[in-house]
Amino acid sequence: MAMRFGRLDLNLLVALDALLTERSVSLAADRLCLSQSATSSALGRLREYFEDDLLVLKGRSMILTARAEELIDPVRAVLEQIRTTVAVAPPFDPATADRVIRIMASDYSTEVLLATVIADLETEAPNIRIEIHPMHDSPIEAIERGYIDLLLTIDYAISADHPSLLIFEDDYVVVGDQNNPAMALPMSKDLYFELGHVTARFGKTRVPAFDDWFVRRQKQQRRIEVVAPTFLSIPRLIVGTKRIATMHRRMARIFSQSMPLVMREIPFAIPPIRETVQWNIAHNNDRALRWMVERLQAAAGAQVPIVPNVVALHADGGIDRSEIEVEYRMNHPQR
């Protein structure tokens, strides 16, 4: 039975929020798990109530009318208030909880952290399913549109508009084949820039990994001989060659135990990364997500701690993280 306030069917507020967010009948239908015809019907009734078109076709896309723009924040606020003050969430029990949690994470984060947590879920939360979404060019948009529940990425890449929590830190090492003559002694800066490198870049725009971006920021050119699509593909691309890679220490530890690889300290300053988990502020009271964040934090805390390369970290006068963050955000605008 439809709930009404005056002439307004309150069930239509959910449809209105989806339409205002997606600016597309088909995308809103997907979000609402409704047919396009049902969503079009809801839009028709909303237009009748507000006496406004709300969404109009311009070229191949739809845009919001001025009245629709005015409704975005009030509608979202009303729905959030209902969700947090009226809808009483049942107690969360991981042993019986039945739901899907969607996490956007790099293959690096999956390898060094998520794999362990997900393995534990088999006994701790057998009915919780995990979907791991690959990183793409607009992770904050994915959070805001509700495509994912959690974003696991470096702190430079998160949004100030949503809650987040630091999970762990990691720094970088140089990795090469154990038979590579260049790896026989500590790595020098001159040798580092003379050797061929393997690096990873991501998405349609080929976004560089943080270490790649940082070195280029220093106006120093590495000889990139191989560009890989993932972090996990890098080790196989340096085995049996004289190439090297700059790799997260946690991942380098894992692969050096199972492959003929050796690690050396980086001979110059590069800041450690801070891996952070973020979620939409609208889901701040989601007990399942809070539990998952706690599990990620606990798993990271149980790992062997990272001791950063202090000599490299404080070389060249140290590193100003705030300055790096500003530059990184300017070069990686979130859409």
C-alpha atoms as a PDB file:
ATOM      1  CA  MET A   1       0.000   0.000   0.000  1.00  0.00           C
ATOM      2  CA  ALA A   2       1.346   3.377  -0.960  1.00  0.00           C
ATOM      3  CA  MET A   3       2.129   5.766   1.902  1.00  0.00           C
ATOM      4  CA  ARG A   4       1.013   9.309   1.127  1.00  0.00           C
ATOM      5  CA  PHE A   5       1.760  12.747   2.468  1.00  0.00           C
ATOM      6  CA  GLY A   6      -0.916  14.984   0.996  1.00  0.00           C
ATOM      7  CA  ARG A   7      -0.945  14.006  -2.682  1.00  0.00           C
ATOM      8  CA  LEU A   8       2.642  12.682  -2.672  1.00  0.00           C
ATOM      9  CA  ASP A   9       3.255   8.932  -2.642  1.00  0.00           C
ATOM     10  CA  LEU A  10       6.257   8.737  -0.299  1.00  0.00           C
ATOM     11  CA  ASN A  11       7.452   5.575  -2.060  1.00  0.00           C
ATOM     12  CA  LEU A  12       8.240   7.821  -5.017  1.00  0.00           C
ATOM     13  CA  LEU A  13      10.922   9.662  -3.012  1.00  0.00           C
ATOM     14  CA  VAL A  14      13.276   6.703  -3.402  1.00  0.00           C
ATOM     15  CA  ALA A  15      12.689   6.724  -7.153  1.00  0.00           C
ATOM     16  CA  LEU A  16      13.176  10.491  -7.254  1.00  0.00           C
ATOM     17  CA  ASP A  17      16.496  10.221  -5.417  1.00  0.00           C
ATOM     18  CA  ALA A  18      17.719   7.592  -7.891  1.00  0.00           C
ATOM     19  CA  LEU A  19      16.594   9.662 -10.886  1.00  0.00           C
ATOM     20  CA  LEU A  20      18.228  12.827  -9.574  1.00  0.00           C
ATOM     21  CA  THR A  21      21.455  10.973  -8.846  1.00  0.00           C
ATOM     22  CA  GLU A  22      21.712   8.933 -12.042  1.00  0.00           C
ATOM     23  CA  ARG A  23      20.112  11.469 -14.412  1.00  0.00           C
ATOM     24  CA  SER A  24      19.021   8.484 -16.471  1.00  0.00           C
ATOM     25  CA  VAL A  25      15.869   6.377 -16.426  1.00  0.00           C
ATOM     26  CA  SER A  26      17.740   3.189 -17.348  1.00  0.00           C
ATOM     27  CA  LEU A  27      20.478   3.667 -14.712  1.00  0.00           C
ATOM     28  CA  ALA A  28      17.906   4.598 -12.080  1.00  0.00           C
ATOM     29  CA  ALA A  29      15.931   1.457 -12.983  1.00  0.00           C
ATOM     30  CA  ASP A  30      19.056  -0.663 -12.439  1.00  0.00           C
ATOM     31  CA  ARG A  31      19.684   0.995  -9.096  1.00  0.00           C
ATOM     32  CA  LEU A  32      16.062   0.471  -7.979  1.00  0.00           C
ATOM     33  CA  CYS A  33      15.896  -3.077  -9.362  1.00  0.00           C
ATOM     34  CA  LEU A  34      12.827  -2.043 -11.374  1.00  0.00           C
ATOM     35  CA  SER A  35      11.971  -2.251 -15.056  1.00  0.00           C
ATOM     36  CA  GLN A  36      12.521   0.812 -17.225  1.00  0.00           C
ATOM     37  CA  SER A  37       8.779   1.069 -17.813  1.00  0.00           C
ATOM     38  CA  ALA A  38       8.067   1.101 -14.065  1.00  0.00           C
ATOM     39  CA  THR A  39      10.756   3.758 -13.534  1.00  0.00           C
ATOM     40  CA  SER A  40       9.382   5.833 -16.426  1.00  0.00           C
ATOM     41  CA  SER A  41       5.936   5.583 -14.839  1.00  0.00           C
ATOM     42  CA  ALA A  42       7.361   6.809 -11.518  1.00  0.00           C
ATOM     43  CA  LEU A  43       8.994   9.746 -13.313  1.00  0.00           C
ATOM     44  CA  GLY A  44       5.644  10.574 -14.920  1.00  0.00           C
ATOM     45  CA  ARG A  45       3.887  10.673 -11.560  1.00  0.00           C
ATOM     46  CA  LEU A  46       6.678  12.799 -10.082  1.00  0.00           C
ATOM     47  CA  ARG A  47       6.392  15.256 -12.957  1.00  0.00           C
ATOM     48  CA  GLU A  48       2.668  15.479 -12.360  1.00  0.00           C
ATOM     49  CA  TYR A  49       3.076  16.111  -8.636  1.00  0.00           C
ATOM     50  CA  PHE A  50       5.841  18.713  -8.931  1.00  0.00           C
ATOM     51  CA  GLU A  51       4.359  20.228 -12.109  1.00  0.00           C
ATOM     52  CA  ASP A  52       7.838  20.174 -13.596  1.00  0.00           C
ATOM     53  CA  ASP A  53       9.651  17.985 -16.147  1.00  0.00           C
ATOM     54  CA  LEU A  54      12.484  17.300 -13.624  1.00  0.00           C
ATOM     55  CA  LEU A  55      14.619  15.523 -16.283  1.00  0.00           C
ATOM     56  CA  VAL A  56      14.715  16.707 -19.893  1.00  0.00           C
ATOM     57  CA  LEU A  57      16.487  15.266 -22.905  1.00  0.00           C
ATOM     58  CA  LYS A  58      19.395  17.309 -24.268  1.00  0.00           C
ATOM     59  CA  GLY A  59      21.240  15.655 -27.108  1.00  0.00           C
ATOM     60  CA  ARG A  60      21.811  12.048 -26.078  1.00  0.00           C
ATOM     61  CA  SER A  61      21.702  12.639 -22.338  1.00  0.00           C
ATOM     62  CA  MET A  62      19.228  13.919 -19.786  1.00  0.00           C
ATOM     63  CA  ILE A  63      19.755  17.012 -17.655  1.00  0.00           C
ATOM     64  CA  LEU A  64      18.015  18.241 -14.522  1.00  0.00           C
ATOM     65  CA  THR A  65      15.680  21.204 -14.540  1.00  0.00           C
ATOM     66  CA  ALA A  66      16.257  24.028 -12.068  1.00  0.00           C
ATOM     67  CA  ARG A  67      13.477  22.599  -9.842  1.00  0.00           C
ATOM     68  CA  ALA A  68      15.124  19.166  -9.907  1.00  0.00           C
ATOM     69  CA  GLU A  69      18.480  20.664  -8.868  1.00  0.00           C
ATOM     70  CA  GLU A  70      16.734  22.288  -5.893  1.00  0.00           C
ATOM     71  CA  LEU A  71      15.305  18.925  -4.815  1.00  0.00           C
ATOM     72  CA  ILE A  72      18.583  16.936  -4.711  1.00  0.00           C
ATOM     73  CA  ASP A  73      19.732  17.792  -1.181  1.00  0.00           C
ATOM     74  CA  PRO A  74      16.288  17.954   0.514  1.00  0.00           C
ATOM     75  CA  VAL A  75      15.214  14.578  -0.879  1.00  0.00           C
ATOM     76  CA  ARG A  76      18.490  12.940   0.118  1.00  0.00           C
ATOM     77  CA  ALA A  77      18.279  14.464   3.616  1.00  0.00           C
ATOM     78  CA  VAL A  78      14.697  13.236   4.109  1.00  0.00           C
ATOM     79  CA  LEU A  79      15.564   9.680   3.054  1.00  0.00           C
ATOM     80  CA  GLU A  80      18.653   9.622   5.257  1.00  0.00           C
ATOM     81  CA  GLN A  81      16.676  10.858   8.254  1.00  0.00           C
ATOM     82  CA  ILE A  82      14.080   8.148   7.705  1.00  0.00           C
ATOM     83  CA  ARG A  83      16.795   5.533   7.381  1.00  0.00           C
ATOM     84  CA  THR A  84      18.659   6.570  10.536  1.00  0.00           C
ATOM     85  CA  THR A  85      15.773   7.513  12.848  1.00  0.00           C
ATOM     86  CA  VAL A  86      12.777   5.469  11.750  1.00  0.00           C
ATOM     87  CA  ALA A  87      14.121   2.279  10.251  1.00  0.00           C
ATOM     88  CA  VAL A  88      15.475   0.247  13.164  1.00  0.00           C
ATOM     89  CA  ALA A  89      18.368  -1.897  12.053  1.00  0.00           C
ATOM     90  CA  PRO A  90      18.354  -5.474  13.376  1.00  0.00           C
ATOM     91  CA  PRO A  91      21.355  -6.568  15.438  1.00  0.00           C
ATOM     92  CA  PHE A  92      24.283  -7.576  13.228  1.00  0.00           C
ATOM     93  CA  ASP A  93      25.552 -11.117  13.668  1.00  0.00           C
ATOM     94  CA  PRO A  94      28.294 -12.088  11.184  1.00  0.00           C
ATOM     95  CA  ALA A  95      27.521 -15.770  11.675  1.00  0.00           C
ATOM     96  CA  THR A  96      23.993 -15.327  10.292  1.00  0.00           C
ATOM     97  CA  ALA A  97      24.264 -12.144   8.197  1.00  0.00           C
ATOM     98  CA  ASP A  98      23.310 -12.655   4.567  1.00  0.00           C
ATOM     99  CA  ARG A  99      24.436  -9.931   2.178  1.00  0.00           C
ATOM    100  CA  VAL A 100      26.900  -8.840  -0.493  1.00  0.00           C
ATOM    101  CA  ILE A 101      29.689  -6.356   0.264  1.00  0.00           C
ATOM    102  CA  ARG A 102      31.267  -4.702  -2.763  1.00  0.00           C
ATOM    103  CA  ILE A 103      34.854  -3.526  -2.333  1.00  0.00           C
ATOM    104  CA  MET A 104      36.900  -1.572  -4.860  1.00  0.00           C
ATOM    105  CA  ALA A 105      40.574  -2.401  -4.405  1.00  0.00           C
ATOM    106  CA  SER A 106      43.750  -2.834  -6.402  1.00  0.00           C
ATOM    107  CA  ASP A 107      45.226  -6.273  -6.905  1.00  0.00           C
ATOM    108  CA  TYR A 108      47.996  -5.188  -4.500  1.00  0.00           C
ATOM    109  CA  SER A 109      45.489  -4.522  -1.691  1.00  0.00           C
ATOM    110  CA  THR A 110      43.723  -7.773  -2.513  1.00  0.00           C
ATOM    111  CA  GLU A 111      46.965  -9.744  -2.315  1.00  0.00           C
ATOM    112  CA  VAL A 112      48.416  -8.261   0.884  1.00  0.00           C
ATOM    113  CA  LEU A 113      45.210  -7.816   2.905  1.00  0.00           C
ATOM    114  CA  LEU A 114      41.840  -8.774   1.422  1.00  0.00           C
ATOM    115  CA  ALA A 115      42.792 -12.365   0.632  1.00  0.00           C
ATOM    116  CA  THR A 116      43.442 -13.081   4.311  1.00  0.00           C
ATOM    117  CA  VAL A 117      40.227 -11.405   5.483  1.00  0.00           C
ATOM    118  CA  ILE A 118      38.108 -13.145   2.859  1.00  0.00           C
ATOM    119  CA  ALA A 119      39.569 -16.535   3.800  1.00  0.00           C
ATOM    120  CA  ASP A 120      38.531 -15.934   7.422  1.00  0.00           C
ATOM    121  CA  LEU A 121      34.989 -15.027   6.353  1.00  0.00           C
ATOM    122  CA  GLU A 122      34.374 -18.615   5.295  1.00  0.00           C
ATOM    123  CA  THR A 123      34.008 -19.573   8.965  1.00  0.00           C
ATOM    124  CA  GLU A 124      33.245 -16.200  10.616  1.00  0.00           C
ATOM    125  CA  ALA A 125      30.555 -15.031   8.188  1.00  0.00           C
ATOM    126  CA  PRO A 126      29.665 -17.878   5.798  1.00  0.00           C
ATOM    127  CA  ASN A 127      26.718 -16.056   4.184  1.00  0.00           C
ATOM    128  CA  ILE A 128      28.527 -12.797   3.439  1.00  0.00           C
ATOM    129  CA  ARG A 129      29.614 -12.621  -0.196  1.00  0.00           C
ATOM    130  CA  ILE A 130      32.375 -10.323  -1.355  1.00  0.00           C
ATOM    131  CA  GLU A 131      32.573  -8.653  -4.760  1.00  0.00           C
ATOM    132  CA  ILE A 132      35.987  -7.158  -5.516  1.00  0.00           C
ATOM    133  CA  HIS A 133      35.776  -4.395  -8.101  1.00  0.00           C
ATOM    134  CA  PRO A 134      38.956  -3.342  -9.924  1.00  0.00           C
ATOM    135  CA  MET A 135      40.207   0.201  -9.535  1.00  0.00           C
ATOM    136  CA  HIS A 136      39.104   2.581 -12.266  1.00  0.00           C
ATOM    137  CA  ASP A 137      39.402   6.246 -13.133  1.00  0.00           C
ATOM    138  CA  SER A 138      36.589   7.519 -10.869  1.00  0.00           C
ATOM    139  CA  PRO A 139      36.539   5.637  -7.533  1.00  0.00           C
ATOM    140  CA  ILE A 140      34.848   8.458  -5.589  1.00  0.00           C
ATOM    141  CA  GLU A 141      32.021   8.529  -8.103  1.00  0.00           C
ATOM    142  CA  ALA A 142      31.558   4.794  -7.511  1.00  0.00           C
ATOM    143  CA  ILE A 143      31.221   5.443  -3.764  1.00  0.00           C
ATOM    144  CA  GLU A 144      28.788   8.320  -4.226  1.00  0.00           C
ATOM    145  CA  ARG A 145      26.578   6.510  -6.749  1.00  0.00           C
ATOM    146  CA  GLY A 146      26.379   3.413  -4.565  1.00  0.00           C
ATOM    147  CA  TYR A 147      28.151   1.105  -7.019  1.00  0.00           C
ATOM    148  CA  ILE A 148      30.507  -0.043  -4.250  1.00  0.00           C
ATOM    149  CA  ASP A 149      30.314  -0.201  -0.455  1.00  0.00           C
ATOM    150  CA  LEU A 150      33.983   0.232   0.456  1.00  0.00           C
ATOM    151  CA  LEU A 151      36.945   1.810  -1.305  1.00  0.00           C
ATOM    152  CA  LEU A 152      40.428   0.614  -0.347  1.00  0.00           C
ATOM    153  CA  THR A 153      43.083   2.970  -1.697  1.00  0.00           C
ATOM    154  CA  ILE A 154      45.878   5.376  -0.733  1.00  0.00           C
ATOM    155  CA  ASP A 155      44.961   8.352   1.427  1.00  0.00           C
ATOM    156  CA  TYR A 156      45.873  10.827  -1.327  1.00  0.00           C
ATOM    157  CA  ALA A 157      43.020   9.450  -3.465  1.00  0.00           C
ATOM    158  CA  ILE A 158      40.100   9.518  -1.011  1.00  0.00           C
ATOM    159  CA  SER A 159      37.396  12.192  -0.702  1.00  0.00           C
ATOM    160  CA  ALA A 160      37.122  14.657   2.164  1.00  0.00           C
ATOM    161  CA  ASP A 161      33.322  14.373   1.904  1.00  0.00           C
ATOM    162  CA  HIS A 162      33.059  10.805   3.242  1.00  0.00           C
ATOM    163  CA  PRO A 163      34.353   8.942   6.325  1.00  0.00           C
ATOM    164  CA  SER A 164      37.585   6.972   6.110  1.00  0.00           C
ATOM    165  CA  LEU A 165      39.983   5.007   8.291  1.00  0.00           C
ATOM    166  CA  LEU A 166      43.717   4.378   7.976  1.00  0.00           C
ATOM    167  CA  ILE A 167      44.315   0.620   7.668  1.00  0.00           C
ATOM    168  CA  PHE A 168      48.080   0.224   7.221  1.00  0.00           C
ATOM    169  CA  GLU A 169      51.243   1.836   5.889  1.00  0.00           C
ATOM    170  CA  ASP A 170      53.690   0.411   3.385  1.00  0.00           C
ATOM    171  CA  ASP A 171      56.858   1.651   1.752  1.00  0.00           C
ATOM    172  CA  TYR A 172      58.780   0.713  -1.389  1.00  0.00           C
ATOM    173  CA  VAL A 173      61.750  -1.464  -2.250  1.00  0.00           C
ATOM    174  CA  VAL A 174      63.641  -2.275  -5.428  1.00  0.00           C
ATOM    175  CA  VAL A 175      63.016  -5.823  -6.666  1.00  0.00           C
ATOM    176  CA  GLY A 176      65.017  -7.760  -9.243  1.00  0.00           C
ATOM    177  CA  ASP A 177      65.926 -11.272 -10.310  1.00  0.00           C
ATOM    178  CA  GLN A 178      68.326 -12.945  -7.885  1.00  0.00           C
ATOM    179  CA  ASN A 179      70.752 -13.556 -10.783  1.00  0.00           C
ATOM    180  CA  ASN A 180      70.681  -9.936 -11.912  1.00  0.00           C
ATOM    181  CA  PRO A 181      74.238  -8.566 -11.348  1.00  0.00           C
ATOM    182  CA  ALA A 182      72.771  -5.170 -10.454  1.00  0.00           C
ATOM    183  CA  MET A 183      71.137  -6.724  -7.374  1.00  0.00           C
ATOM    184  CA  ALA A 184      74.405  -8.111  -5.942  1.00  0.00           C
ATOM    185  CA  LEU A 185      75.142  -4.934  -3.957  1.00  0.00           C
ATOM    186  CA  PRO A 186      73.040  -2.184  -2.346  1.00  0.00           C
ATOM    187  CA  MET A 187      71.238  -0.185  -5.015  1.00  0.00           C
ATOM    188  CA  SER A 188      72.760   3.180  -5.902  1.00  0.00           C
ATOM    189  CA  LYS A 189      70.797   6.110  -7.307  1.00  0.00           C
ATOM    190  CA  ASP A 190      72.831   6.199 -10.530  1.00  0.00           C
ATOM    191  CA  LEU A 191      72.345   2.487 -11.122  1.00  0.00           C
ATOM    192  CA  TYR A 192      68.620   2.744 -10.367  1.00  0.00           C
ATOM    193  CA  PHE A 193      68.115   5.242 -13.200  1.00  0.00           C
ATOM    194  CA  GLU A 194      70.396   3.368 -15.599  1.00  0.00           C
ATOM    195  CA  LEU A 195      68.474   0.088 -15.413  1.00  0.00           C
ATOM    196  CA  GLY A 196      65.334  -0.832 -17.318  1.00  0.00           C
ATOM    197  CA  HIS A 197      62.128  -0.727 -15.246  1.00  0.00           C
ATOM    198  CA  VAL A 198      58.775  -2.497 -15.121  1.00  0.00           C
ATOM    199  CA  THR A 199      55.833  -0.462 -13.812  1.00  0.00           C
ATOM    200  CA  ALA A 200      52.042  -0.696 -13.679  1.00  0.00           C
ATOM    201  CA  ARG A 201      49.450   1.725 -15.060  1.00  0.00           C
ATOM    202  CA  PHE A 202      45.695   1.431 -14.773  1.00  0.00           C
ATOM    203  CA  GLY A 203      42.369   2.148 -16.437  1.00  0.00           C
ATOM    204  CA  LYS A 204      41.506   3.677 -19.765  1.00  0.00           C
ATOM    205  CA  THR A 205      43.642   6.735 -19.061  1.00  0.00           C
ATOM    206  CA  ARG A 206      46.627   4.616 -17.963  1.00  0.00           C
ATOM    207  CA  VAL A 207      46.849   6.177 -14.508  1.00  0.00           C
ATOM    208  CA  PRO A 208      50.375   5.650 -13.129  1.00  0.00           C
ATOM    209  CA  ALA A 209      51.044   3.888  -9.842  1.00  0.00           C
ATOM    210  CA  PHE A 210      51.992   6.266  -7.020  1.00  0.00           C
ATOM    211  CA  ASP A 211      55.720   5.488  -7.183  1.00  0.00           C
ATOM    212  CA  ASP A 212      55.732   6.107 -10.943  1.00  0.00           C
ATOM    213  CA  TRP A 213      53.942   9.439 -10.496  1.00  0.00           C
ATOM    214  CA  PHE A 214      56.223  10.473  -7.614  1.00  0.00           C
ATOM    215  CA  VAL A 215      59.480   9.775  -9.452  1.00  0.00           C
ATOM    216  CA  ARG A 216      58.268  11.744 -12.475  1.00  0.00           C
ATOM    217  CA  ARG A 217      57.291  14.563 -10.099  1.00  0.00           C
ATOM    218  CA  GLN A 218      60.957  14.717  -9.068  1.00  0.00           C
ATOM    219  CA  LYS A 219      61.861  15.493 -12.700  1.00  0.00           C
ATOM    220  CA  GLN A 220      63.835  12.254 -12.938  1.00  0.00           C
ATOM    221  CA  GLN A 221      63.199   9.877 -15.802  1.00  0.00           C
ATOM    222  CA  ARG A 222      63.288   6.118 -15.371  1.00  0.00           C
ATOM    223  CA  ARG A 223      63.812   3.944 -18.398  1.00  0.00           C
ATOM    224  CA  ILE A 224      60.399   2.264 -18.486  1.00  0.00           C
ATOM    225  CA  GLU A 225      60.745  -0.818 -20.684  1.00  0.00           C
ATOM    226  CA  VAL A 226      57.551  -2.656 -19.715  1.00  0.00           C
ATOM    227  CA  VAL A 227      54.169  -1.252 -18.636  1.00  0.00           C
ATOM    228  CA  ALA A 228      52.034  -3.885 -16.889  1.00  0.00           C
ATOM    229  CA  PRO A 229      48.240  -3.771 -16.394  1.00  0.00           C
ATOM    230  CA  THR A 230      48.376  -4.923 -12.755  1.00  0.00           C
ATOM    231  CA  PHE A 231      50.717  -4.980  -9.770  1.00  0.00           C
ATOM    232  CA  LEU A 232      50.553  -8.783  -9.625  1.00  0.00           C
ATOM    233  CA  SER A 233      51.909  -9.156 -13.160  1.00  0.00           C
ATOM    234  CA  ILE A 234      55.126  -7.264 -12.357  1.00  0.00           C
ATOM    235  CA  PRO A 235      57.113 -10.066 -10.628  1.00  0.00           C
ATOM    236  CA  ARG A 236      56.846 -12.446 -13.602  1.00  0.00           C
ATOM    237  CA  LEU A 237      57.987  -9.654 -15.913  1.00  0.00           C
ATOM    238  CA  ILE A 238      61.298  -9.169 -14.077  1.00  0.00           C
ATOM    239  CA  VAL A 239      62.193 -12.823 -13.413  1.00  0.00           C
ATOM    240  CA  GLY A 240      64.969 -13.940 -15.761  1.00  0.00           C
ATOM    241  CA  THR A 241      65.750 -10.358 -16.882  1.00  0.00           C
ATOM    242  CA  LYS A 242      68.058  -7.505 -15.898  1.00  0.00           C
ATOM    243  CA  ARG A 243      65.075  -5.239 -15.334  1.00  0.00           C
ATOM    244  CA  ILE A 244      63.997  -4.015 -11.900  1.00  0.00           C
ATOM    245  CA  ALA A 245      60.728  -2.813 -10.390  1.00  0.00           C
ATOM    246  CA  THR A 246      59.799  -0.479  -7.573  1.00  0.00           C
ATOM    247  CA  MET A 247      57.387  -2.533  -5.485  1.00  0.00           C
ATOM    248  CA  HIS A 248      55.458  -2.242  -2.233  1.00  0.00           C
ATOM    249  CA  ARG A 249      57.477  -3.936   0.499  1.00  0.00           C
ATOM    250  CA  ARG A 250      54.563  -6.095   1.698  1.00  0.00           C
ATOM    251  CA  MET A 251      53.994  -7.498  -1.780  1.00  0.00           C
ATOM    252  CA  ALA A 252      57.722  -7.882  -2.431  1.00  0.00           C
ATOM    253  CA  ARG A 253      58.001 -10.007   0.735  1.00  0.00           C
ATOM    254  CA  ILE A 254      55.283 -12.339  -0.507  1.00  0.00           C
ATOM    255  CA  PHE A 255      56.746 -12.859  -3.974  1.00  0.00           C
ATOM    256  CA  SER A 256      60.372 -13.111  -2.877  1.00  0.00           C
ATOM    257  CA  GLN A 257      59.381 -16.168  -0.823  1.00  0.00           C
ATOM    258  CA  SER A 258      58.023 -18.059  -3.822  1.00  0.00           C
ATOM    259  CA  MET A 259      59.997 -16.633  -6.778  1.00  0.00           C
ATOM    260  CA  PRO A 260      63.728 -16.073  -7.497  1.00  0.00           C
ATOM    261  CA  LEU A 261      63.586 -12.405  -6.513  1.00  0.00           C
ATOM    262  CA  VAL A 262      65.624 -10.255  -4.131  1.00  0.00           C
ATOM    263  CA  MET A 263      64.868  -6.897  -2.520  1.00  0.00           C
ATOM    264  CA  ARG A 264      67.072  -3.845  -2.086  1.00  0.00           C
ATOM    265  CA  GLU A 265      66.348  -0.517  -0.414  1.00  0.00           C
ATOM    266  CA  ILE A 266      65.441   2.421  -2.635  1.00  0.00           C
ATOM    267  CA  PRO A 267      68.393   4.852  -2.825  1.00  0.00           C
ATOM    268  CA  PHE A 268      66.350   8.068  -2.620  1.00  0.00           C
ATOM    269  CA  ALA A 269      63.438   9.573  -0.721  1.00  0.00           C
ATOM    270  CA  ILE A 270      59.925   8.364  -1.520  1.00  0.00           C
ATOM    271  CA  PRO A 271      57.054   8.642   0.983  1.00  0.00           C
ATOM    272  CA  PRO A 272      55.371   5.503   2.290  1.00  0.00           C
ATOM    273  CA  ILE A 273      51.776   4.964   1.247  1.00  0.00           C
ATOM    274  CA  ARG A 274      48.897   4.961   3.702  1.00  0.00           C
ATOM    275  CA  GLU A 275      46.250   2.470   2.663  1.00  0.00           C
ATOM    276  CA  THR A 276      42.840   3.767   3.713  1.00  0.00           C
ATOM    277  CA  VAL A 277      39.301   2.419   3.585  1.00  0.00           C
ATOM    278  CA  GLN A 278      36.428   4.782   2.751  1.00  0.00           C
ATOM    279  CA  TRP A 279      32.642   4.460   2.646  1.00  0.00           C
ATOM    280  CA  ASN A 280      29.706   6.702   1.787  1.00  0.00           C
ATOM    281  CA  ILE A 281      28.661   8.938   4.671  1.00  0.00           C
ATOM    282  CA  ALA A 282      25.078   7.763   4.107  1.00  0.00           C
ATOM    283  CA  HIS A 283      26.193   4.276   5.225  1.00  0.00           C
ATOM    284  CA  ASN A 284      27.906   5.419   8.400  1.00  0.00           C
ATOM    285  CA  ASN A 285      25.530   3.345  10.532  1.00  0.00           C
ATOM    286  CA  ASP A 286      25.688   0.221   8.392  1.00  0.00           C
ATOM    287  CA  ARG A 287      26.757  -2.379  10.961  1.00  0.00           C
ATOM    288  CA  ALA A 288      27.919  -4.911   8.405  1.00  0.00           C
ATOM    289  CA  LEU A 289      30.242  -2.394   6.785  1.00  0.00           C
ATOM    290  CA  ARG A 290      31.537  -1.247  10.158  1.00  0.00           C
ATOM    291  CA  TRP A 291      32.261  -4.866  11.043  1.00  0.00           C
ATOM    292  CA  MET A 292      34.104  -5.392   7.752  1.00  0.00           C
ATOM    293  CA  VAL A 293      36.201  -2.269   8.335  1.00  0.00           C
ATOM    294  CA  GLU A 294      37.114  -3.582  11.786  1.00  0.00           C
ATOM    295  CA  ARG A 295      38.133  -6.916  10.259  1.00  0.00           C
ATOM    296  CA  LEU A 296      40.370  -5.159   7.728  1.00  0.00           C
ATOM    297  CA  GLN A 297      41.984  -3.128  10.488  1.00  0.00           C
ATOM    298  CA  ALA A 298      42.524  -6.190  12.686  1.00  0.00           C
ATOM    299  CA  ALA A 299      44.040  -8.216   9.837  1.00  0.00           C
ATOM    300  CA  ALA A 300      46.435  -5.404   8.969  1.00  0.00           C
ATOM    301  CA  GLY A 301      47.449  -5.049  12.614  1.00  0.00           C
ATOM    302  CA  ALA A 302      48.253  -8.758  12.845  1.00  0.00           C
ATOM    303  CA  GLN A 303      50.755  -8.586   9.968  1.00  0.00           C
ATOM    304  CA  VAL A 304      54.503  -8.158  10.357  1.00  0.00           C
ATOM    305  CA  PRO A 305      55.027  -4.411  10.825  1.00  0.00           C
ATOM    306  CA  ILE A 306      56.822  -2.427   8.157  1.00  0.00           C
ATOM    307  CA  VAL A 307      60.064  -0.712   9.168  1.00  0.00           C
ATOM    308  CA  PRO A 308      60.484   2.080   6.601  1.00  0.00           C
ATOM    309  CA  ASN A 309      63.781   2.719   4.873  1.00  0.00           C
ATOM    310  CA  VAL A 310      64.750   5.593   7.186  1.00  0.00           C
ATOM    311  CA  VAL A 311      67.849   6.581   5.218  1.00  0.00           C
ATOM    312  CA  ALA A 312      65.883   6.972   2.004  1.00  0.00           C
ATOM    313  CA  LEU A 313      62.901   8.557   3.726  1.00  0.00           C
ATOM    314  CA  HIS A 314      64.963  11.404   5.174  1.00  0.00           C
ATOM    315  CA  ALA A 315      67.295  11.897   2.246  1.00  0.00           C
ATOM    316  CA  ASP A 316      67.179  15.209   0.359  1.00  0.00           C
ATOM    317  CA  GLY A 317      65.740  17.076   3.339  1.00  0.00           C
ATOM    318  CA  GLY A 318      62.697  14.910   3.981  1.00  0.00           C
ATOM    319  CA  ILE A 319      59.256  14.872   2.362  1.00  0.00           C
ATOM    320  CA  ASP A 320      56.309  17.234   2.739  1.00  0.00           C
ATOM    321  CA  ARG A 321      53.243  14.955   2.536  1.00  0.00           C
ATOM    322  CA  SER A 322      50.781  17.854   2.433  1.00  0.00           C
ATOM    323  CA  GLU A 323      52.489  19.323  -0.616  1.00  0.00           C
ATOM    324  CA  ILE A 324      52.500  15.917  -2.304  1.00  0.00           C
ATOM    325  CA  GLU A 325      48.798  15.439  -1.549  1.00  0.00           C
ATOM    326  CA  VAL A 326      47.887  18.777  -3.162  1.00  0.00           C
ATOM    327  CA  GLU A 327      49.881  17.953  -6.287  1.00  0.00           C
ATOM    328  CA  TYR A 328      48.531  14.409  -6.466  1.00  0.00           C
ATOM    329  CA  ARG A 329      44.922  15.615  -6.276  1.00  0.00           C
ATOM    330  CA  MET A 330      45.569  18.220  -8.946  1.00  0.00           C
ATOM    331  CA  ASN A 331      46.930  15.523 -11.239  1.00  0.00           C
ATOM    332  CA  HIS A 332      44.246  12.960 -10.333  1.00  0.00           C
ATOM    333  CA  PRO A 333      40.906  14.836 -10.225  1.00  0.00           C
ATOM    334  CA  GLN A 334      38.075  12.724  -8.813  1.00  0.00           C
ATOM    335  CA  ARG A 335      34.917  12.737 -10.896  1.00  0.00           C
END
